[in-house]
Amino acid sequence: MVLDFAMKLSSIHSKETYKITHIEKSELTHRLYDMGIFPNQILEVINRAPLGDPMVIQIDGQLIMLRLSEADLITIE
């Protein structure tokens, strides 16, 4: 199920599926691209650490661990 409202990936706590709508420009943007994270991809939040940082997402069958500072650059719906 893809939800239909925009928010930051860093604010997500539920294990749901989302679409990446935007990635903010910063010094970490190229790192996200290198990990295979691009706009219009569908991702699934798999898990978060007990204190919230880091979080694990899945894109195209690949598990990726993100810090909240990285996840805060990603807008999803």
N, C-alpha and C. Protein backbone atom coordinates (compact mmCIF):
# COMPACT_ATOMS: atom_id res chain seq x y z
N MET A 1 0.84 -1.17 0.00
CA MET A 1 0.00 0.00 0.00
C MET A 1 0.89 1.24 0.00
N VAL A 2 0.74 2.14 -0.95
CA VAL A 2 1.48 3.39 -1.00
C VAL A 2 0.56 4.49 -0.48
N LEU A 3 1.01 5.19 0.54
CA LEU A 3 0.21 6.26 1.13
C LEU A 3 0.32 7.51 0.28
N ASP A 4 -0.66 8.43 0.43
CA ASP A 4 -0.75 9.57 -0.48
C ASP A 4 -0.62 10.91 0.25
N PHE A 5 0.49 11.16 0.93
CA PHE A 5 0.78 12.44 1.55
C PHE A 5 2.29 12.55 1.71
N ALA A 6 2.81 13.78 1.68
CA ALA A 6 4.26 13.99 1.71
C ALA A 6 4.75 14.17 3.15
N MET A 7 5.87 13.52 3.44
CA MET A 7 6.52 13.68 4.74
C MET A 7 7.97 13.23 4.62
N LYS A 8 8.76 13.49 5.64
CA LYS A 8 10.17 13.10 5.66
C LYS A 8 10.30 11.64 6.07
N LEU A 9 11.20 10.93 5.42
CA LEU A 9 11.43 9.53 5.75
C LEU A 9 11.88 9.38 7.20
N SER A 10 12.61 10.34 7.72
CA SER A 10 13.12 10.26 9.10
C SER A 10 12.00 10.24 10.14
N SER A 11 10.79 10.70 9.78
CA SER A 11 9.68 10.75 10.74
C SER A 11 8.85 9.47 10.76
N ILE A 12 9.19 8.50 9.91
CA ILE A 12 8.41 7.28 9.78
C ILE A 12 8.82 6.26 10.84
N HIS A 13 7.84 5.67 11.50
CA HIS A 13 8.10 4.61 12.47
C HIS A 13 7.41 3.30 12.09
N SER A 14 6.44 3.37 11.19
CA SER A 14 5.70 2.18 10.82
C SER A 14 6.38 1.43 9.68
N LYS A 15 6.12 0.16 9.61
CA LYS A 15 6.69 -0.69 8.56
C LYS A 15 5.71 -0.69 7.39
N GLU A 16 5.82 0.32 6.54
CA GLU A 16 4.92 0.50 5.40
C GLU A 16 5.75 0.71 4.14
N THR A 17 5.05 0.85 3.01
CA THR A 17 5.67 1.11 1.72
C THR A 17 5.39 2.55 1.33
N TYR A 18 6.41 3.23 0.79
CA TYR A 18 6.30 4.64 0.43
C TYR A 18 6.98 4.89 -0.91
N LYS A 19 6.64 6.00 -1.54
CA LYS A 19 7.27 6.43 -2.78
C LYS A 19 8.14 7.65 -2.48
N ILE A 20 9.37 7.64 -2.98
CA ILE A 20 10.27 8.79 -2.82
C ILE A 20 9.84 9.86 -3.81
N THR A 21 9.51 11.04 -3.31
CA THR A 21 9.08 12.13 -4.19
C THR A 21 10.17 13.16 -4.43
N HIS A 22 11.10 13.29 -3.47
CA HIS A 22 12.12 14.33 -3.60
C HIS A 22 13.30 13.98 -2.69
N ILE A 23 14.50 14.33 -3.14
CA ILE A 23 15.71 14.24 -2.32
C ILE A 23 16.34 15.62 -2.29
N GLU A 24 16.46 16.19 -1.09
CA GLU A 24 17.03 17.53 -0.95
C GLU A 24 18.51 17.54 -1.32
N LYS A 25 18.96 18.66 -1.84
CA LYS A 25 20.38 18.83 -2.17
C LYS A 25 21.16 19.12 -0.89
N SER A 26 22.23 18.38 -0.69
CA SER A 26 23.14 18.61 0.43
C SER A 26 24.44 17.88 0.14
N GLU A 27 25.35 17.90 1.10
CA GLU A 27 26.60 17.19 0.92
C GLU A 27 26.39 15.67 0.96
N LEU A 28 25.24 15.21 1.42
CA LEU A 28 24.94 13.78 1.49
C LEU A 28 24.17 13.26 0.28
N THR A 29 23.72 14.14 -0.60
CA THR A 29 22.89 13.74 -1.73
C THR A 29 23.59 12.71 -2.62
N HIS A 30 24.85 12.94 -2.94
CA HIS A 30 25.57 12.00 -3.80
C HIS A 30 25.75 10.65 -3.11
N ARG A 31 25.88 10.65 -1.80
CA ARG A 31 25.97 9.39 -1.05
C ARG A 31 24.68 8.59 -1.21
N LEU A 32 23.54 9.27 -1.14
CA LEU A 32 22.25 8.58 -1.33
C LEU A 32 22.14 8.01 -2.74
N TYR A 33 22.54 8.81 -3.73
CA TYR A 33 22.52 8.33 -5.11
C TYR A 33 23.45 7.12 -5.29
N ASP A 34 24.62 7.17 -4.66
CA ASP A 34 25.56 6.05 -4.75
C ASP A 34 24.99 4.77 -4.14
N MET A 35 24.11 4.93 -3.14
CA MET A 35 23.47 3.77 -2.51
C MET A 35 22.29 3.26 -3.33
N GLY A 36 21.94 3.98 -4.40
CA GLY A 36 20.84 3.55 -5.26
C GLY A 36 19.50 4.13 -4.87
N ILE A 37 19.51 5.25 -4.16
CA ILE A 37 18.26 5.89 -3.72
C ILE A 37 17.99 7.08 -4.63
N PHE A 38 16.86 7.02 -5.35
CA PHE A 38 16.49 8.06 -6.32
C PHE A 38 15.02 8.40 -6.19
N PRO A 39 14.60 9.60 -6.64
CA PRO A 39 13.17 9.93 -6.66
C PRO A 39 12.38 8.94 -7.51
N ASN A 40 11.12 8.79 -7.18
CA ASN A 40 10.14 7.92 -7.84
C ASN A 40 10.33 6.44 -7.56
N GLN A 41 11.25 6.08 -6.68
CA GLN A 41 11.39 4.68 -6.29
C GLN A 41 10.43 4.36 -5.15
N ILE A 42 10.04 3.10 -5.07
CA ILE A 42 9.22 2.63 -3.97
C ILE A 42 10.15 1.99 -2.94
N LEU A 43 9.98 2.37 -1.68
CA LEU A 43 10.79 1.80 -0.61
C LEU A 43 9.88 1.25 0.48
N GLU A 44 10.43 0.35 1.23
CA GLU A 44 9.72 -0.21 2.38
C GLU A 44 10.57 0.01 3.61
N VAL A 45 9.97 0.55 4.66
CA VAL A 45 10.67 0.69 5.93
C VAL A 45 10.65 -0.67 6.60
N ILE A 46 11.82 -1.22 6.89
CA ILE A 46 11.94 -2.56 7.46
C ILE A 46 12.02 -2.50 8.97
N ASN A 47 12.87 -1.62 9.51
CA ASN A 47 13.08 -1.58 10.94
C ASN A 47 13.79 -0.29 11.33
N ARG A 48 13.69 0.05 12.60
CA ARG A 48 14.44 1.17 13.18
C ARG A 48 15.14 0.66 14.44
N ALA A 49 16.28 1.24 14.73
CA ALA A 49 16.99 0.89 15.95
C ALA A 49 16.13 1.31 17.16
N PRO A 50 16.35 0.70 18.32
CA PRO A 50 15.53 1.03 19.49
C PRO A 50 15.48 2.53 19.81
N LEU A 51 16.55 3.25 19.58
CA LEU A 51 16.54 4.69 19.84
C LEU A 51 16.21 5.49 18.58
N GLY A 52 15.86 4.80 17.48
CA GLY A 52 15.41 5.46 16.27
C GLY A 52 16.46 5.65 15.20
N ASP A 53 17.72 5.59 15.53
CA ASP A 53 18.79 5.86 14.57
C ASP A 53 19.81 4.74 14.65
N PRO A 54 20.10 4.02 13.58
CA PRO A 54 19.67 4.20 12.19
C PRO A 54 18.36 3.46 11.89
N MET A 55 17.97 3.54 10.62
CA MET A 55 16.79 2.82 10.15
C MET A 55 17.18 1.97 8.95
N VAL A 56 16.43 0.89 8.72
CA VAL A 56 16.69 0.00 7.60
C VAL A 56 15.52 0.10 6.63
N ILE A 57 15.85 0.34 5.35
CA ILE A 57 14.83 0.38 4.31
C ILE A 57 15.18 -0.66 3.25
N GLN A 58 14.20 -1.00 2.44
CA GLN A 58 14.44 -1.92 1.34
C GLN A 58 13.98 -1.26 0.05
N ILE A 59 14.89 -1.23 -0.94
CA ILE A 59 14.60 -0.70 -2.28
C ILE A 59 15.06 -1.74 -3.29
N ASP A 60 14.17 -2.14 -4.17
CA ASP A 60 14.50 -3.13 -5.20
C ASP A 60 15.15 -4.39 -4.63
N GLY A 61 14.66 -4.85 -3.49
CA GLY A 61 15.17 -6.06 -2.88
C GLY A 61 16.47 -5.91 -2.12
N GLN A 62 17.00 -4.70 -2.07
CA GLN A 62 18.27 -4.44 -1.39
C GLN A 62 18.01 -3.72 -0.07
N LEU A 63 18.60 -4.24 1.01
CA LEU A 63 18.49 -3.60 2.31
C LEU A 63 19.53 -2.49 2.44
N ILE A 64 19.09 -1.32 2.90
CA ILE A 64 19.97 -0.17 3.05
C ILE A 64 19.76 0.42 4.43
N MET A 65 20.84 0.67 5.15
CA MET A 65 20.76 1.29 6.45
C MET A 65 21.06 2.79 6.30
N LEU A 66 20.17 3.61 6.84
CA LEU A 66 20.32 5.07 6.75
C LEU A 66 20.37 5.69 8.14
N ARG A 67 21.23 6.68 8.29
CA ARG A 67 21.19 7.52 9.49
C ARG A 67 19.99 8.45 9.35
N LEU A 68 19.49 8.96 10.46
CA LEU A 68 18.36 9.88 10.39
C LEU A 68 18.71 11.16 9.65
N SER A 69 19.97 11.58 9.71
CA SER A 69 20.39 12.78 8.97
C SER A 69 20.26 12.55 7.47
N GLU A 70 20.49 11.32 7.02
CA GLU A 70 20.31 10.99 5.60
C GLU A 70 18.82 10.84 5.26
N ALA A 71 18.09 10.16 6.14
CA ALA A 71 16.65 9.96 5.91
C ALA A 71 15.89 11.28 5.92
N ASP A 72 16.41 12.28 6.62
CA ASP A 72 15.74 13.58 6.70
C ASP A 72 15.80 14.33 5.37
N LEU A 73 16.67 13.93 4.47
CA LEU A 73 16.78 14.56 3.14
C LEU A 73 15.76 13.99 2.15
N ILE A 74 15.10 12.90 2.51
CA ILE A 74 14.20 12.18 1.61
C ILE A 74 12.75 12.49 1.93
N THR A 75 12.03 13.03 0.96
CA THR A 75 10.60 13.27 1.10
C THR A 75 9.85 12.11 0.45
N ILE A 76 8.87 11.60 1.17
CA ILE A 76 8.11 10.44 0.69
C ILE A 76 6.62 10.73 0.71
N GLU A 77 5.88 9.89 0.02
CA GLU A 77 4.42 9.94 0.13
C GLU A 77 3.87 8.53 0.16
